[in-house]
Amino acid sequence: YGTKEETIYFYNHGIEVDFYVPSTETAIQVSYS
């Protein structure tokens, strides 16, 4: 998606989500196991 600010985020406000992609409305957590 590119490195511009508006493409990839994380979410941290009482809830922690590792990545959020606004263009595809995708939330992603990363956990080794």
All heavy atoms as atom14 arrays in JSON, in Angstrom:
{
  "sequence": "YGTKEETIYFYNHGIEVDFYVPSTETAIQVSYS",
  "atom14_mask": [
    [1, 1, 1, 1, 1, 1, 1, 1, 1, 1, 1, 1, 0, 0],
    [1, 1, 1, 1, 0, 0, 0, 0, 0, 0, 0, 0, 0, 0],
    [1, 1, 1, 1, 1, 1, 1, 0, 0, 0, 0, 0, 0, 0],
    [1, 1, 1, 1, 1, 1, 1, 1, 1, 0, 0, 0, 0, 0],
    [1, 1, 1, 1, 1, 1, 1, 1, 1, 0, 0, 0, 0, 0],
    [1, 1, 1, 1, 1, 1, 1, 1, 1, 0, 0, 0, 0, 0],
    [1, 1, 1, 1, 1, 1, 1, 0, 0, 0, 0, 0, 0, 0],
    [1, 1, 1, 1, 1, 1, 1, 1, 0, 0, 0, 0, 0, 0],
    [1, 1, 1, 1, 1, 1, 1, 1, 1, 1, 1, 1, 0, 0],
    [1, 1, 1, 1, 1, 1, 1, 1, 1, 1, 1, 0, 0, 0],
    [1, 1, 1, 1, 1, 1, 1, 1, 1, 1, 1, 1, 0, 0],
    [1, 1, 1, 1, 1, 1, 1, 1, 0, 0, 0, 0, 0, 0],
    [1, 1, 1, 1, 1, 1, 1, 1, 1, 1, 0, 0, 0, 0],
    [1, 1, 1, 1, 0, 0, 0, 0, 0, 0, 0, 0, 0, 0],
    [1, 1, 1, 1, 1, 1, 1, 1, 0, 0, 0, 0, 0, 0],
    [1, 1, 1, 1, 1, 1, 1, 1, 1, 0, 0, 0, 0, 0],
    [1, 1, 1, 1, 1, 1, 1, 0, 0, 0, 0, 0, 0, 0],
    [1, 1, 1, 1, 1, 1, 1, 1, 0, 0, 0, 0, 0, 0],
    [1, 1, 1, 1, 1, 1, 1, 1, 1, 1, 1, 0, 0, 0],
    [1, 1, 1, 1, 1, 1, 1, 1, 1, 1, 1, 1, 0, 0],
    [1, 1, 1, 1, 1, 1, 1, 0, 0, 0, 0, 0, 0, 0],
    [1, 1, 1, 1, 1, 1, 1, 0, 0, 0, 0, 0, 0, 0],
    [1, 1, 1, 1, 1, 1, 0, 0, 0, 0, 0, 0, 0, 0],
    [1, 1, 1, 1, 1, 1, 1, 0, 0, 0, 0, 0, 0, 0],
    [1, 1, 1, 1, 1, 1, 1, 1, 1, 0, 0, 0, 0, 0],
    [1, 1, 1, 1, 1, 1, 1, 0, 0, 0, 0, 0, 0, 0],
    [1, 1, 1, 1, 1, 0, 0, 0, 0, 0, 0, 0, 0, 0],
    [1, 1, 1, 1, 1, 1, 1, 1, 0, 0, 0, 0, 0, 0],
    [1, 1, 1, 1, 1, 1, 1, 1, 1, 0, 0, 0, 0, 0],
    [1, 1, 1, 1, 1, 1, 1, 0, 0, 0, 0, 0, 0, 0],
    [1, 1, 1, 1, 1, 1, 0, 0, 0, 0, 0, 0, 0, 0],
    [1, 1, 1, 1, 1, 1, 1, 1, 1, 1, 1, 1, 0, 0],
    [1, 1, 1, 1, 1, 1, 0, 0, 0, 0, 0, 0, 0, 0]
  ],
  "atom14_positions": [
    [[0.8, -1.23, 0.0], [0.0, 0.0, 0.0], [0.83, 1.28, 0.0], [0.28, 2.36, -0.16], [-0.94, 0.0, 1.21], [-1.95, -1.11, 1.18], [-1.79, -2.26, 1.94], [-3.07, -1.03, 0.35], [-2.71, -3.29, 1.9], [-4.0, -2.05, 0.3], [-3.82, -3.18, 1.07], [-4.73, -4.2, 1.01], [0.0, 0.0, 0.0], [0.0, 0.0, 0.0]],
    [[2.15, 1.18, 0.17], [2.99, 2.37, 0.18], [3.21, 2.89, 1.59], [2.53, 2.5, 2.54], [0.0, 0.0, 0.0], [0.0, 0.0, 0.0], [0.0, 0.0, 0.0], [0.0, 0.0, 0.0], [0.0, 0.0, 0.0], [0.0, 0.0, 0.0], [0.0, 0.0, 0.0], [0.0, 0.0, 0.0], [0.0, 0.0, 0.0], [0.0, 0.0, 0.0]],
    [[4.17, 3.78, 1.73], [4.59, 4.26, 3.05], [3.95, 5.59, 3.45], [4.28, 6.13, 4.5], [6.12, 4.41, 3.11], [6.54, 5.41, 2.16], [6.81, 3.09, 2.81], [0.0, 0.0, 0.0], [0.0, 0.0, 0.0], [0.0, 0.0, 0.0], [0.0, 0.0, 0.0], [0.0, 0.0, 0.0], [0.0, 0.0, 0.0], [0.0, 0.0, 0.0]],
    [[3.07, 6.12, 2.64], [2.42, 7.37, 3.02], [1.55, 7.16, 4.25], [1.03, 6.06, 4.49], [1.57, 7.91, 1.87], [2.4, 8.38, 0.68], [1.53, 8.96, -0.41], [2.37, 9.45, -1.58], [1.54, 10.02, -2.67], [0.0, 0.0, 0.0], [0.0, 0.0, 0.0], [0.0, 0.0, 0.0], [0.0, 0.0, 0.0], [0.0, 0.0, 0.0]],
    [[1.38, 8.23, 5.03], [0.72, 8.12, 6.33], [-0.67, 7.52, 6.25], [-1.11, 6.83, 7.16], [0.65, 9.5, 6.99], [1.99, 10.06, 7.42], [1.84, 11.41, 8.08], [0.75, 11.69, 8.6], [2.8, 12.19, 8.06], [0.0, 0.0, 0.0], [0.0, 0.0, 0.0], [0.0, 0.0, 0.0], [0.0, 0.0, 0.0], [0.0, 0.0, 0.0]],
    [[-1.4, 7.79, 5.2], [-2.82, 7.44, 5.17], [-3.08, 5.99, 4.8], [-4.24, 5.56, 4.72], [-3.56, 8.35, 4.16], [-3.47, 9.83, 4.45], [-2.18, 10.45, 3.92], [-1.41, 9.73, 3.25], [-1.93, 11.63, 4.21], [0.0, 0.0, 0.0], [0.0, 0.0, 0.0], [0.0, 0.0, 0.0], [0.0, 0.0, 0.0], [0.0, 0.0, 0.0]],
    [[-2.04, 5.18, 4.57], [-2.28, 3.85, 4.02], [-2.37, 2.76, 5.08], [-3.23, 1.89, 5.0], [-1.17, 3.48, 3.02], [0.1, 3.55, 3.68], [-1.17, 4.42, 1.84], [0.0, 0.0, 0.0], [0.0, 0.0, 0.0], [0.0, 0.0, 0.0], [0.0, 0.0, 0.0], [0.0, 0.0, 0.0], [0.0, 0.0, 0.0], [0.0, 0.0, 0.0]],
    [[-1.46, 2.79, 6.07], [-1.39, 1.76, 7.11], [-1.32, 2.43, 8.48], [-0.6, 3.41, 8.66], [-0.14, 0.88, 6.94], [-0.08, 0.27, 5.54], [-0.11, -0.24, 8.0], [-1.22, -0.66, 5.23], [0.0, 0.0, 0.0], [0.0, 0.0, 0.0], [0.0, 0.0, 0.0], [0.0, 0.0, 0.0], [0.0, 0.0, 0.0], [0.0, 0.0, 0.0]],
    [[-2.06, 1.89, 9.43], [-2.04, 2.41, 10.8], [-1.96, 1.25, 11.79], [-2.13, 0.09, 11.43], [-3.33, 3.19, 11.11], [-3.51, 4.49, 10.35], [-4.26, 4.52, 9.18], [-2.97, 5.67, 10.83], [-4.45, 5.71, 8.49], [-3.16, 6.87, 10.15], [-3.9, 6.89, 8.99], [-4.08, 8.06, 8.32], [0.0, 0.0, 0.0], [0.0, 0.0, 0.0]],
    [[-1.73, 1.59, 13.07], [-2.1, 0.69, 14.16], [-3.18, 1.39, 14.96], [-3.45, 2.58, 14.76], [-0.89, 0.3, 15.02], [-0.27, 1.41, 15.83], [-0.66, 1.63, 17.15], [0.71, 2.23, 15.29], [-0.08, 2.64, 17.91], [1.29, 3.25, 16.04], [0.89, 3.45, 17.36], [0.0, 0.0, 0.0], [0.0, 0.0, 0.0], [0.0, 0.0, 0.0]],
    [[-3.84, 0.67, 15.88], [-4.88, 1.27, 16.72], [-4.53, 1.04, 18.17], [-4.28, -0.09, 18.6], [-6.26, 0.65, 16.42], [-7.38, 1.33, 17.19], [-8.08, 2.38, 16.62], [-7.7, 0.94, 18.49], [-9.1, 3.02, 17.32], [-8.7, 1.57, 19.19], [-9.39, 2.61, 18.61], [-10.39, 3.26, 19.31], [0.0, 0.0, 0.0], [0.0, 0.0, 0.0]],
    [[-4.47, 2.13, 18.93], [-4.18, 2.02, 20.36], [-4.92, 3.12, 21.11], [-4.48, 4.27, 21.17], [-2.67, 2.14, 20.61], [-2.3, 1.81, 22.05], [-3.15, 1.8, 22.93], [-1.03, 1.55, 22.3], [0.0, 0.0, 0.0], [0.0, 0.0, 0.0], [0.0, 0.0, 0.0], [0.0, 0.0, 0.0], [0.0, 0.0, 0.0], [0.0, 0.0, 0.0]],
    [[-6.09, 2.74, 21.64], [-6.88, 3.68, 22.45], [-7.82, 2.84, 23.32], [-8.99, 2.68, 23.04], [-7.67, 4.64, 21.57], [-8.35, 5.73, 22.36], [-7.66, 6.74, 22.99], [-9.66, 5.97, 22.6], [-8.52, 7.54, 23.6], [-9.75, 7.09, 23.38], [0.0, 0.0, 0.0], [0.0, 0.0, 0.0], [0.0, 0.0, 0.0], [0.0, 0.0, 0.0]],
    [[-7.25, 2.26, 24.39], [-8.01, 1.35, 25.23], [-8.04, -0.06, 24.67], [-8.22, -1.03, 25.4], [0.0, 0.0, 0.0], [0.0, 0.0, 0.0], [0.0, 0.0, 0.0], [0.0, 0.0, 0.0], [0.0, 0.0, 0.0], [0.0, 0.0, 0.0], [0.0, 0.0, 0.0], [0.0, 0.0, 0.0], [0.0, 0.0, 0.0], [0.0, 0.0, 0.0]],
    [[-7.86, -0.18, 23.36], [-7.77, -1.46, 22.65], [-6.51, -1.38, 21.79], [-6.23, -0.34, 21.2], [-8.99, -1.7, 21.75], [-10.29, -1.58, 22.54], [-8.9, -3.06, 21.05], [-11.51, -1.46, 21.64], [0.0, 0.0, 0.0], [0.0, 0.0, 0.0], [0.0, 0.0, 0.0], [0.0, 0.0, 0.0], [0.0, 0.0, 0.0], [0.0, 0.0, 0.0]],
    [[-5.77, -2.48, 21.74], [-4.57, -2.49, 20.91], [-4.74, -3.47, 19.75], [-4.98, -4.65, 19.96], [-3.34, -2.88, 21.74], [-2.97, -1.86, 22.81], [-1.69, -2.23, 23.52], [-0.89, -3.0, 22.95], [-1.48, -1.74, 24.65], [0.0, 0.0, 0.0], [0.0, 0.0, 0.0], [0.0, 0.0, 0.0], [0.0, 0.0, 0.0], [0.0, 0.0, 0.0]],
    [[-4.65, -2.93, 18.54], [-4.66, -3.74, 17.33], [-3.43, -3.37, 16.53], [-3.14, -2.2, 16.3], [-5.94, -3.5, 16.5], [-5.87, -4.24, 15.17], [-7.17, -3.96, 17.28], [0.0, 0.0, 0.0], [0.0, 0.0, 0.0], [0.0, 0.0, 0.0], [0.0, 0.0, 0.0], [0.0, 0.0, 0.0], [0.0, 0.0, 0.0], [0.0, 0.0, 0.0]],
    [[-2.68, -4.38, 16.1], [-1.36, -4.14, 15.53], [-1.38, -3.37, 14.22], [-0.55, -2.49, 14.0], [-0.62, -5.47, 15.34], [-0.32, -6.14, 16.67], [0.04, -5.43, 17.63], [-0.45, -7.39, 16.75], [0.0, 0.0, 0.0], [0.0, 0.0, 0.0], [0.0, 0.0, 0.0], [0.0, 0.0, 0.0], [0.0, 0.0, 0.0], [0.0, 0.0, 0.0]],
    [[-2.34, -3.68, 13.34], [-2.4, -2.99, 12.05], [-3.86, -2.79, 11.64], [-4.72, -3.63, 11.91], [-1.68, -3.79, 10.95], [-0.21, -3.98, 11.21], [0.25, -5.2, 11.68], [0.7, -2.96, 10.99], [1.6, -5.4, 11.92], [2.05, -3.15, 11.24], [2.5, -4.36, 11.7], [0.0, 0.0, 0.0], [0.0, 0.0, 0.0], [0.0, 0.0, 0.0]],
    [[-4.07, -1.68, 10.94], [-5.38, -1.44, 10.34], [-5.16, -0.83, 8.96], [-4.4, 0.13, 8.8], [-6.22, -0.5, 11.2], [-7.59, -0.23, 10.6], [-8.55, -1.23, 10.53], [-7.91, 1.02, 10.08], [-9.79, -1.0, 9.96], [-9.16, 1.26, 9.53], [-10.1, 0.25, 9.46], [-11.34, 0.48, 8.9], [0.0, 0.0, 0.0], [0.0, 0.0, 0.0]],
    [[-5.84, -1.41, 7.96], [-5.75, -0.94, 6.58], [-7.08, -0.29, 6.22], [-8.06, -1.0, 5.96], [-5.44, -2.1, 5.61], [-5.22, -1.55, 4.19], [-4.23, -2.89, 6.08], [0.0, 0.0, 0.0], [0.0, 0.0, 0.0], [0.0, 0.0, 0.0], [0.0, 0.0, 0.0], [0.0, 0.0, 0.0], [0.0, 0.0, 0.0], [0.0, 0.0, 0.0]],
    [[-7.16, 1.04, 6.2], [-8.45, 1.7, 5.93], [-9.05, 1.36, 4.57], [-10.27, 1.2, 4.45], [-8.1, 3.2, 6.02], [-6.86, 3.26, 6.85], [-6.1, 2.01, 6.53], [0.0, 0.0, 0.0], [0.0, 0.0, 0.0], [0.0, 0.0, 0.0], [0.0, 0.0, 0.0], [0.0, 0.0, 0.0], [0.0, 0.0, 0.0], [0.0, 0.0, 0.0]],
    [[-8.2, 1.25, 3.54], [-8.73, 1.06, 2.19], [-9.45, -0.27, 2.02], [-10.37, -0.38, 1.2], [-7.6, 1.18, 1.16], [-6.62, 0.18, 1.38], [0.0, 0.0, 0.0], [0.0, 0.0, 0.0], [0.0, 0.0, 0.0], [0.0, 0.0, 0.0], [0.0, 0.0, 0.0], [0.0, 0.0, 0.0], [0.0, 0.0, 0.0], [0.0, 0.0, 0.0]],
    [[-9.04, -1.28, 2.8], [-9.71, -2.58, 2.71], [-10.48, -2.92, 3.98], [-11.04, -4.01, 4.08], [-8.67, -3.7, 2.44], [-7.72, -3.73, 3.51], [-7.96, -3.47, 1.13], [0.0, 0.0, 0.0], [0.0, 0.0, 0.0], [0.0, 0.0, 0.0], [0.0, 0.0, 0.0], [0.0, 0.0, 0.0], [0.0, 0.0, 0.0], [0.0, 0.0, 0.0]],
    [[-10.47, -1.99, 4.94], [-11.15, -2.18, 6.22], [-10.75, -3.52, 6.85], [-11.58, -4.36, 7.22], [-12.67, -2.09, 6.02], [-13.1, -0.71, 5.53], [-14.58, -0.62, 5.21], [-15.28, -1.64, 5.33], [-15.05, 0.48, 4.85], [0.0, 0.0, 0.0], [0.0, 0.0, 0.0], [0.0, 0.0, 0.0], [0.0, 0.0, 0.0], [0.0, 0.0, 0.0]],
    [[-9.43, -3.68, 6.98], [-8.86, -4.92, 7.51], [-8.13, -4.65, 8.81], [-7.27, -3.77, 8.88], [-7.89, -5.56, 6.5], [-8.59, -5.83, 5.29], [-7.29, -6.84, 7.05], [0.0, 0.0, 0.0], [0.0, 0.0, 0.0], [0.0, 0.0, 0.0], [0.0, 0.0, 0.0], [0.0, 0.0, 0.0], [0.0, 0.0, 0.0], [0.0, 0.0, 0.0]],
    [[-8.46, -5.4, 9.86], [-7.76, -5.33, 11.15], [-6.89, -6.57, 11.3], [-7.34, -7.69, 11.02], [-8.76, -5.24, 12.29], [0.0, 0.0, 0.0], [0.0, 0.0, 0.0], [0.0, 0.0, 0.0], [0.0, 0.0, 0.0], [0.0, 0.0, 0.0], [0.0, 0.0, 0.0], [0.0, 0.0, 0.0], [0.0, 0.0, 0.0], [0.0, 0.0, 0.0]],
    [[-5.64, -6.37, 11.75], [-4.68, -7.47, 11.8], [-3.98, -7.48, 13.15], [-3.43, -6.46, 13.59], [-3.63, -7.34, 10.69], [-4.29, -7.35, 9.31], [-2.6, -8.46, 10.78], [-3.36, -6.98, 8.17], [0.0, 0.0, 0.0], [0.0, 0.0, 0.0], [0.0, 0.0, 0.0], [0.0, 0.0, 0.0], [0.0, 0.0, 0.0], [0.0, 0.0, 0.0]],
    [[-4.0, -8.62, 13.79], [-3.19, -8.87, 14.97], [-2.03, -9.79, 14.6], [-2.15, -10.61, 13.68], [-4.02, -9.56, 16.07], [-5.09, -8.68, 16.72], [-4.47, -7.66, 17.66], [-3.77, -6.74, 17.23], [-4.72, -7.83, 18.94], [0.0, 0.0, 0.0], [0.0, 0.0, 0.0], [0.0, 0.0, 0.0], [0.0, 0.0, 0.0], [0.0, 0.0, 0.0]],
    [[-0.91, -9.65, 15.31], [0.25, -10.51, 15.09], [0.58, -11.22, 16.39], [0.78, -10.58, 17.42], [1.47, -9.69, 14.61], [2.65, -10.62, 14.36], [1.13, -8.91, 13.35], [0.0, 0.0, 0.0], [0.0, 0.0, 0.0], [0.0, 0.0, 0.0], [0.0, 0.0, 0.0], [0.0, 0.0, 0.0], [0.0, 0.0, 0.0], [0.0, 0.0, 0.0]],
    [[0.59, -12.55, 16.34], [0.9, -13.35, 17.52], [1.72, -14.55, 17.08], [1.31, -15.29, 16.18], [-0.38, -13.82, 18.21], [-0.1, -14.65, 19.31], [0.0, 0.0, 0.0], [0.0, 0.0, 0.0], [0.0, 0.0, 0.0], [0.0, 0.0, 0.0], [0.0, 0.0, 0.0], [0.0, 0.0, 0.0], [0.0, 0.0, 0.0], [0.0, 0.0, 0.0]],
    [[2.87, -14.74, 17.69], [3.77, -15.79, 17.23], [3.1, -17.16, 17.28], [3.23, -17.97, 16.37], [5.05, -15.79, 18.06], [6.13, -16.65, 17.46], [6.94, -16.14, 16.45], [6.32, -17.96, 17.87], [7.92, -16.93, 15.86], [7.29, -18.76, 17.3], [8.09, -18.24, 16.29], [9.05, -19.03, 15.71], [0.0, 0.0, 0.0], [0.0, 0.0, 0.0]],
    [[2.35, -17.41, 18.33], [1.65, -18.69, 18.46], [0.29, -18.44, 19.11], [0.14, -17.52, 19.92], [2.47, -19.67, 19.31], [1.71, -20.82, 19.63], [0.0, 0.0, 0.0], [0.0, 0.0, 0.0], [0.0, 0.0, 0.0], [0.0, 0.0, 0.0], [0.0, 0.0, 0.0], [0.0, 0.0, 0.0], [0.0, 0.0, 0.0], [0.0, 0.0, 0.0]]
  ]
}
